[in-house]
């Protein structure tokens, strides 16, 4: 991975140099065939970072992750931001929307799902991005889930990531419900 450690802050410890701990976060399904890296281990690595560091440092270093052009730190961001309280989110939500506005990340589905969960203004913010990126009639008539799908469709038929979006959101909400991802926000 071509990212300097100082661009990852405390999250550089998420990677151990041996295993791609970010990969289980791509689909949020556990594959226990490899005992050295799987979803449970990846989630525990994020939890340990939260347990071992001060909240302000976590928030500051999450900003480093979302500003990266590399999709790997963005995945860690998506799970980590869920663990914060609403009052800790304003700057991070702004950076998340900036990343969605760029429309270049390989993990747009995960970023969009995260925004739909942490931001009560998701629909209006997503509509603004869509109005700037595509011609879609009657955006205001769509519900939040339909807006989420539109946000992740891309500009060509080959970019449509809506099925990834639906599966990732289902898996994420299940992990939250099972308390495998502990959240502190109210949205």
Protein backbone atom coordinates (compact mmCIF):
# COMPACT_ATOMS: atom_id res chain seq x y z
CA UNK A 1 0.00 0.00 0.00
CA UNK A 2 1.52 3.29 -1.09
CA UNK A 3 0.46 5.43 1.86
CA UNK A 4 2.88 6.99 4.29
CA UNK A 5 2.31 6.04 7.94
CA UNK A 6 1.97 9.72 8.88
CA UNK A 7 -1.07 9.89 6.57
CA UNK A 8 -2.78 7.18 8.61
CA UNK A 9 -2.08 8.41 12.14
CA UNK A 10 -3.07 5.92 14.82
CA UNK A 11 -4.84 3.82 12.20
CA UNK A 12 -1.52 2.66 10.74
CA UNK A 13 -1.74 -0.05 13.42
CA UNK A 14 -4.78 -1.47 11.66
CA UNK A 15 -2.41 -3.08 9.16
CA UNK A 16 0.12 -5.49 10.58
CA UNK A 17 2.18 -5.89 7.42
CA UNK A 18 1.17 -9.52 7.06
CA UNK A 19 -2.56 -9.56 6.34
CA UNK A 20 -4.94 -7.40 4.29
CA UNK A 21 -7.22 -6.59 7.21
CA UNK A 22 -9.15 -4.10 5.06
CA UNK A 23 -10.44 -6.79 2.66
CA UNK A 24 -13.09 -8.28 4.99
CA UNK A 25 -14.58 -4.78 5.24
CA UNK A 26 -15.31 -4.81 1.49
CA UNK A 27 -18.32 -7.10 1.85
CA UNK A 28 -18.75 -7.34 5.65
CA UNK A 29 -19.15 -11.10 5.59
CA UNK A 30 -17.08 -13.30 7.81
CA UNK A 31 -14.85 -15.89 6.23
CA UNK A 32 -13.30 -17.93 9.00
CA UNK A 33 -11.32 -20.16 6.65
CA UNK A 34 -8.28 -18.01 7.42
CA UNK A 35 -7.74 -17.78 11.16
CA UNK A 36 -5.24 -14.91 10.80
CA UNK A 37 -7.55 -12.44 9.08
CA UNK A 38 -11.30 -12.25 8.78
CA UNK A 39 -14.11 -9.79 9.53
CA UNK A 40 -14.09 -10.42 13.27
CA UNK A 41 -10.35 -9.76 13.49
CA UNK A 42 -10.68 -6.60 11.35
CA UNK A 43 -13.49 -5.24 13.52
CA UNK A 44 -11.50 -6.06 16.66
CA UNK A 45 -8.49 -4.18 15.28
CA UNK A 46 -10.66 -1.07 14.86
CA UNK A 47 -12.15 -1.55 18.33
CA UNK A 48 -8.65 -1.81 19.83
CA UNK A 49 -7.65 1.49 18.22
CA UNK A 50 -10.68 3.10 19.84
CA UNK A 51 -9.88 1.53 23.23
CA UNK A 52 -6.20 2.52 23.18
CA UNK A 53 -6.45 6.15 22.02
CA UNK A 54 -7.99 9.41 23.13
CA UNK A 55 -11.16 10.43 21.37
CA UNK A 56 -9.75 13.69 19.94
CA UNK A 57 -6.83 11.84 18.37
CA UNK A 58 -9.22 9.29 16.84
CA UNK A 59 -11.36 12.06 15.34
CA UNK A 60 -8.31 13.93 13.99
CA UNK A 61 -6.85 10.78 12.45
CA UNK A 62 -10.18 9.74 10.93
CA UNK A 63 -9.96 12.98 8.99
CA UNK A 64 -6.62 11.76 7.63
CA UNK A 65 -8.24 8.52 6.47
CA UNK A 66 -11.16 10.07 4.60
CA UNK A 67 -8.92 12.59 2.84
CA UNK A 68 -6.88 9.78 1.29
CA UNK A 69 -7.36 8.97 -2.38
CA UNK A 70 -6.69 5.34 -1.55
CA UNK A 71 -9.85 3.33 -0.91
CA UNK A 72 -8.37 1.14 1.85
CA UNK A 73 -8.26 3.86 4.54
CA UNK A 74 -11.71 5.00 3.40
CA UNK A 75 -13.10 1.58 4.35
CA UNK A 76 -11.64 1.87 7.86
CA UNK A 77 -13.20 5.34 8.05
CA UNK A 78 -16.64 3.96 7.14
CA UNK A 79 -16.69 1.55 10.05
CA UNK A 80 -14.95 3.89 12.51
CA UNK A 81 -17.20 6.92 12.04
CA UNK A 82 -20.14 4.78 13.14
CA UNK A 83 -18.53 4.45 16.55
CA UNK A 84 -18.64 8.20 17.24
CA UNK A 85 -21.27 10.38 18.91
CA UNK A 86 -23.29 12.81 16.80
CA UNK A 87 -21.56 15.85 18.29
CA UNK A 88 -18.19 14.43 17.18
CA UNK A 89 -19.25 14.10 13.54
CA UNK A 90 -19.62 17.56 11.91
CA UNK A 91 -16.14 17.84 10.33
CA UNK A 92 -16.01 14.15 9.48
CA UNK A 93 -19.41 14.29 7.76
CA UNK A 94 -18.22 17.31 5.78
CA UNK A 95 -15.15 15.36 4.60
CA UNK A 96 -17.30 12.33 3.81
CA UNK A 97 -19.55 14.46 1.59
CA UNK A 98 -16.48 16.00 -0.05
CA UNK A 99 -15.29 12.49 -0.93
CA UNK A 100 -18.72 11.57 -2.29
CA UNK A 101 -18.79 14.80 -4.31
CA UNK A 102 -15.47 13.83 -5.95
CA UNK A 103 -17.21 10.68 -7.16
CA UNK A 104 -13.90 8.90 -7.76
CA UNK A 105 -13.55 6.43 -4.92
CA UNK A 106 -13.66 2.73 -5.63
CA UNK A 107 -15.71 2.34 -2.41
CA UNK A 108 -18.49 4.81 -3.25
CA UNK A 109 -21.12 2.25 -2.13
CA UNK A 110 -19.58 1.98 1.33
CA UNK A 111 -19.11 5.75 1.62
CA UNK A 112 -22.70 6.41 0.52
CA UNK A 113 -24.15 3.82 2.92
CA UNK A 114 -22.12 5.33 5.75
CA UNK A 115 -23.42 8.81 4.92
CA UNK A 116 -26.98 7.46 4.84
CA UNK A 117 -26.56 6.17 8.39
CA UNK A 118 -24.63 9.00 10.07
CA UNK A 119 -26.23 12.02 8.41
CA UNK A 120 -29.88 12.91 9.02
CA UNK A 121 -29.58 15.27 6.02
CA UNK A 122 -28.54 12.42 3.74
CA UNK A 123 -31.35 12.77 1.20
CA UNK A 124 -30.93 16.50 0.61
CA UNK A 125 -27.11 16.28 0.51
CA UNK A 126 -27.20 13.33 -1.91
CA UNK A 127 -29.73 15.11 -4.13
CA UNK A 128 -27.35 18.08 -4.43
CA UNK A 129 -24.54 15.78 -5.57
CA UNK A 130 -26.81 14.00 -8.01
CA UNK A 131 -28.08 17.27 -9.47
CA UNK A 132 -24.48 18.28 -10.14
CA UNK A 133 -23.45 14.90 -11.60
CA UNK A 134 -26.41 13.54 -13.58
CA UNK A 135 -29.73 14.41 -15.11
CA UNK A 136 -32.37 12.59 -13.10
CA UNK A 137 -35.94 13.75 -13.21
CA UNK A 138 -38.00 14.12 -10.04
CA UNK A 139 -35.19 13.45 -7.57
CA UNK A 140 -37.25 14.97 -4.79
CA UNK A 141 -39.93 12.30 -5.33
CA UNK A 142 -37.45 9.50 -4.57
CA UNK A 143 -37.12 8.11 -1.04
CA UNK A 144 -33.78 7.92 0.78
CA UNK A 145 -33.08 4.33 -0.30
CA UNK A 146 -33.72 5.20 -3.95
CA UNK A 147 -31.45 8.23 -3.62
CA UNK A 148 -28.76 5.98 -2.10
CA UNK A 149 -29.01 3.65 -5.11
CA UNK A 150 -28.82 6.56 -7.58
CA UNK A 151 -25.75 7.92 -5.79
CA UNK A 152 -23.88 4.66 -6.35
CA UNK A 153 -24.94 3.90 -9.92
CA UNK A 154 -22.11 5.80 -11.56
CA UNK A 155 -22.16 7.40 -14.96
CA UNK A 156 -22.17 4.31 -17.18
CA UNK A 157 -23.76 0.88 -17.07
CA UNK A 158 -20.38 -0.59 -16.13
CA UNK A 159 -20.08 1.57 -13.01
CA UNK A 160 -23.40 0.55 -11.44
CA UNK A 161 -22.55 -0.48 -7.90
CA UNK A 162 -26.10 -0.50 -6.58
CA UNK A 163 -26.12 -4.23 -5.79
CA UNK A 164 -22.93 -3.79 -3.76
CA UNK A 165 -24.59 -0.89 -1.95
CA UNK A 166 -27.67 -2.90 -1.01
CA UNK A 167 -25.67 -5.91 0.25
CA UNK A 168 -23.19 -3.77 2.18
CA UNK A 169 -25.95 -1.83 3.92
CA UNK A 170 -27.81 -5.04 4.82
CA UNK A 171 -24.63 -6.61 6.21
CA UNK A 172 -23.68 -3.42 8.07
CA UNK A 173 -27.08 -3.04 9.71
CA UNK A 174 -27.00 -6.70 10.73
CA UNK A 175 -23.57 -6.25 12.35
CA UNK A 176 -24.84 -3.17 14.19
CA UNK A 177 -27.96 -5.01 15.35
CA UNK A 178 -25.83 -7.94 16.56
CA UNK A 179 -23.58 -5.37 18.31
CA UNK A 180 -20.51 -6.61 16.46
CA UNK A 181 -20.13 -2.95 15.49
CA UNK A 182 -20.92 -0.76 18.46
CA UNK A 183 -22.32 2.64 17.54
CA UNK A 184 -22.80 5.76 19.66
CA UNK A 185 -24.64 8.04 17.25
CA UNK A 186 -28.39 8.69 17.33
CA UNK A 187 -29.35 8.78 13.62
